[in-house]
Amino acid sequence: MEIKLATDALSALSQRTRLEVFRLLVRREPQSVAAGDLAKAIGVPANTMSVHLNVLSRAGLVSSERHSRSIVYRADLNRFRELMLFMLKDCCDGRSEICAPLFADLIPCCPPKESVDA
């Protein structure tokens, strides 16, 4: 990831409402959420939500799709993964004893699902 893309994404997430929206969309994955439902859930006017969603969209953190008369949004987990990897790539200059606690804290959040084929 280029530093410009990373700073755009981090800038978009540095505002409270946008961070709340993005976190809500991540929790709802893989389902999309209508813009009006996002506005209600976060407690902001629809026109304000539209501005925030445009910022997140320009930063590549959300995608949108028209469904009839409404627009639904999803978090772009690939872009989010790229951003996190960009932030952690040079973690602690390769000194694993410093980075190990960080990675240990991340692993329990998303343990791999065991295969049902076994």
C-alpha atoms as a PDB file:
ATOM      1  CA  MET A   1       0.000   0.000   0.000  1.00  0.00           C
ATOM      2  CA  GLU A   2       1.247   3.450  -0.857  1.00  0.00           C
ATOM      3  CA  ILE A   3       1.654   5.951   1.950  1.00  0.00           C
ATOM      4  CA  LYS A   4      -0.896   8.291   0.288  1.00  0.00           C
ATOM      5  CA  LEU A   5      -3.583   5.592   0.379  1.00  0.00           C
ATOM      6  CA  ALA A   6      -2.724   4.784   3.981  1.00  0.00           C
ATOM      7  CA  THR A   7      -2.906   8.402   5.091  1.00  0.00           C
ATOM      8  CA  ASP A   8      -6.221   8.864   3.266  1.00  0.00           C
ATOM      9  CA  ALA A   9      -7.689   5.822   5.012  1.00  0.00           C
ATOM     10  CA  LEU A  10      -6.324   6.785   8.419  1.00  0.00           C
ATOM     11  CA  SER A  11      -7.571  10.332   7.960  1.00  0.00           C
ATOM     12  CA  ALA A  12     -11.054   9.055   7.094  1.00  0.00           C
ATOM     13  CA  LEU A  13     -11.094   6.875  10.211  1.00  0.00           C
ATOM     14  CA  SER A  14      -9.801   9.648  12.469  1.00  0.00           C
ATOM     15  CA  GLN A  15     -13.285  11.140  12.811  1.00  0.00           C
ATOM     16  CA  ARG A  16     -15.588   9.576  15.434  1.00  0.00           C
ATOM     17  CA  THR A  17     -18.741   9.100  13.329  1.00  0.00           C
ATOM     18  CA  ARG A  18     -16.823   7.609  10.416  1.00  0.00           C
ATOM     19  CA  LEU A  19     -14.961   5.244  12.734  1.00  0.00           C
ATOM     20  CA  GLU A  20     -18.274   4.142  14.289  1.00  0.00           C
ATOM     21  CA  VAL A  21     -19.800   3.593  10.837  1.00  0.00           C
ATOM     22  CA  PHE A  22     -16.825   1.599   9.629  1.00  0.00           C
ATOM     23  CA  ARG A  23     -16.800  -0.583  12.746  1.00  0.00           C
ATOM     24  CA  LEU A  24     -20.540  -1.197  12.374  1.00  0.00           C
ATOM     25  CA  LEU A  25     -20.080  -2.218   8.737  1.00  0.00           C
ATOM     26  CA  VAL A  26     -17.242  -4.577   9.683  1.00  0.00           C
ATOM     27  CA  ARG A  27     -19.464  -6.212  12.321  1.00  0.00           C
ATOM     28  CA  ARG A  28     -22.247  -6.672   9.774  1.00  0.00           C
ATOM     29  CA  GLU A  29     -20.062  -8.285   7.112  1.00  0.00           C
ATOM     30  CA  PRO A  30     -20.844  -9.928   4.750  1.00  0.00           C
ATOM     31  CA  GLN A  31     -24.219  -8.184   4.763  1.00  0.00           C
ATOM     32  CA  SER A  32     -24.627  -4.669   3.462  1.00  0.00           C
ATOM     33  CA  VAL A  33     -26.401  -1.881   5.354  1.00  0.00           C
ATOM     34  CA  ALA A  34     -28.592   0.834   3.884  1.00  0.00           C
ATOM     35  CA  ALA A  35     -27.410   4.403   4.372  1.00  0.00           C
ATOM     36  CA  GLY A  36     -30.602   5.312   6.222  1.00  0.00           C
ATOM     37  CA  ASP A  37     -30.146   2.407   8.624  1.00  0.00           C
ATOM     38  CA  LEU A  38     -26.576   3.522   9.282  1.00  0.00           C
ATOM     39  CA  ALA A  39     -27.777   7.047  10.043  1.00  0.00           C
ATOM     40  CA  LYS A  40     -30.367   5.712  12.508  1.00  0.00           C
ATOM     41  CA  ALA A  41     -27.910   3.325  14.163  1.00  0.00           C
ATOM     42  CA  ILE A  42     -25.282   6.028  14.671  1.00  0.00           C
ATOM     43  CA  GLY A  43     -27.792   8.771  15.436  1.00  0.00           C
ATOM     44  CA  VAL A  44     -26.924  11.353  12.798  1.00  0.00           C
ATOM     45  CA  PRO A  45     -29.044  13.059  10.126  1.00  0.00           C
ATOM     46  CA  ALA A  46     -29.178  11.315   6.731  1.00  0.00           C
ATOM     47  CA  ASN A  47     -27.432  14.180   4.920  1.00  0.00           C
ATOM     48  CA  THR A  48     -24.591  14.126   7.474  1.00  0.00           C
ATOM     49  CA  MET A  49     -24.260  10.347   7.059  1.00  0.00           C
ATOM     50  CA  SER A  50     -24.038  10.824   3.305  1.00  0.00           C
ATOM     51  CA  VAL A  51     -21.018  13.104   3.736  1.00  0.00           C
ATOM     52  CA  HIS A  52     -19.294  10.615   6.050  1.00  0.00           C
ATOM     53  CA  LEU A  53     -19.980   7.704   3.702  1.00  0.00           C
ATOM     54  CA  ASN A  54     -18.529   9.683   0.793  1.00  0.00           C
ATOM     55  CA  VAL A  55     -15.314  10.279   2.766  1.00  0.00           C
ATOM     56  CA  LEU A  56     -15.050   6.574   3.634  1.00  0.00           C
ATOM     57  CA  SER A  57     -15.774   5.637   0.040  1.00  0.00           C
ATOM     58  CA  ARG A  58     -13.114   7.999  -1.374  1.00  0.00           C
ATOM     59  CA  ALA A  59     -10.633   6.468   1.058  1.00  0.00           C
ATOM     60  CA  GLY A  60     -11.492   3.027  -0.322  1.00  0.00           C
ATOM     61  CA  LEU A  61     -12.799   1.725   2.994  1.00  0.00           C
ATOM     62  CA  VAL A  62     -16.403   1.148   1.933  1.00  0.00           C
ATOM     63  CA  SER A  63     -18.173   0.190  -1.250  1.00  0.00           C
ATOM     64  CA  SER A  64     -21.727   0.989  -2.226  1.00  0.00           C
ATOM     65  CA  GLU A  65     -24.390  -0.533  -4.396  1.00  0.00           C
ATOM     66  CA  ARG A  66     -27.823   0.709  -5.379  1.00  0.00           C
ATOM     67  CA  HIS A  67     -30.707  -1.548  -4.368  1.00  0.00           C
ATOM     68  CA  SER A  68     -33.908  -0.152  -5.775  1.00  0.00           C
ATOM     69  CA  ARG A  69     -34.322   3.277  -4.140  1.00  0.00           C
ATOM     70  CA  SER A  70     -31.656   2.922  -1.473  1.00  0.00           C
ATOM     71  CA  ILE A  71     -27.895   2.676  -1.440  1.00  0.00           C
ATOM     72  CA  VAL A  72     -26.322  -0.045   0.658  1.00  0.00           C
ATOM     73  CA  TYR A  73     -22.785  -0.064   1.985  1.00  0.00           C
ATOM     74  CA  ARG A  74     -20.213  -2.685   2.931  1.00  0.00           C
ATOM     75  CA  ALA A  75     -16.798  -2.420   4.509  1.00  0.00           C
ATOM     76  CA  ASP A  76     -13.962  -3.163   2.102  1.00  0.00           C
ATOM     77  CA  LEU A  77     -12.153  -5.755   4.189  1.00  0.00           C
ATOM     78  CA  ASN A  78      -9.405  -6.162   1.601  1.00  0.00           C
ATOM     79  CA  ARG A  79      -8.497  -2.470   1.879  1.00  0.00           C
ATOM     80  CA  PHE A  80      -8.724  -2.688   5.672  1.00  0.00           C
ATOM     81  CA  ARG A  81      -6.379  -5.702   5.643  1.00  0.00           C
ATOM     82  CA  GLU A  82      -3.947  -3.812   3.397  1.00  0.00           C
ATOM     83  CA  LEU A  83      -4.017  -0.864   5.797  1.00  0.00           C
ATOM     84  CA  MET A  84      -3.359  -3.048   8.828  1.00  0.00           C
ATOM     85  CA  LEU A  85      -0.538  -4.874   7.066  1.00  0.00           C
ATOM     86  CA  PHE A  86       0.952  -1.530   6.024  1.00  0.00           C
ATOM     87  CA  MET A  87       0.902  -0.419   9.666  1.00  0.00           C
ATOM     88  CA  LEU A  88       2.429  -3.653  10.970  1.00  0.00           C
ATOM     89  CA  LYS A  89       4.824  -4.559   8.156  1.00  0.00           C
ATOM     90  CA  ASP A  90       7.887  -2.988   9.731  1.00  0.00           C
ATOM     91  CA  CYS A  91       6.721  -3.625  13.272  1.00  0.00           C
ATOM     92  CA  CYS A  92       9.483  -3.120  15.784  1.00  0.00           C
ATOM     93  CA  ASP A  93      12.202  -3.355  13.123  1.00  0.00           C
ATOM     94  CA  GLY A  94      11.871  -7.144  13.019  1.00  0.00           C
ATOM     95  CA  ARG A  95      12.390  -7.691  16.751  1.00  0.00           C
ATOM     96  CA  SER A  96       9.792 -10.365  17.382  1.00  0.00           C
ATOM     97  CA  GLU A  97      10.055 -10.107  21.162  1.00  0.00           C
ATOM     98  CA  ILE A  98       8.568  -6.614  20.934  1.00  0.00           C
ATOM     99  CA  CYS A  99       5.862  -7.431  18.366  1.00  0.00           C
ATOM    100  CA  ALA A 100       4.846 -10.829  19.742  1.00  0.00           C
ATOM    101  CA  PRO A 101       2.406  -9.439  22.347  1.00  0.00           C
ATOM    102  CA  LEU A 102       0.644  -7.380  19.687  1.00  0.00           C
ATOM    103  CA  PHE A 103       0.171 -10.376  17.419  1.00  0.00           C
ATOM    104  CA  ALA A 104      -0.886 -12.559  20.344  1.00  0.00           C
ATOM    105  CA  ASP A 105      -3.625 -10.035  21.149  1.00  0.00           C
ATOM    106  CA  LEU A 106      -4.859 -10.095  17.540  1.00  0.00           C
ATOM    107  CA  ILE A 107      -5.113 -13.866  17.140  1.00  0.00           C
ATOM    108  CA  PRO A 108      -7.977 -14.528  19.588  1.00  0.00           C
ATOM    109  CA  CYS A 109     -10.296 -12.085  17.788  1.00  0.00           C
ATOM    110  CA  CYS A 110     -10.553 -14.190  14.666  1.00  0.00           C
ATOM    111  CA  PRO A 111      -9.542 -17.799  15.197  1.00  0.00           C
ATOM    112  CA  PRO A 112      -9.607 -19.835  11.977  1.00  0.00           C
ATOM    113  CA  LYS A 113     -12.697 -21.949  11.577  1.00  0.00           C
ATOM    114  CA  GLU A 114     -12.083 -25.665  11.633  1.00  0.00           C
ATOM    115  CA  SER A 115     -12.991 -27.544   8.519  1.00  0.00           C
ATOM    116  CA  VAL A 116     -16.265 -29.476   8.715  1.00  0.00           C
ATOM    117  CA  ASP A 117     -14.842 -32.011   6.243  1.00  0.00           C
ATOM    118  CA  ALA A 118     -12.671 -33.619   8.904  1.00  0.00           C
END
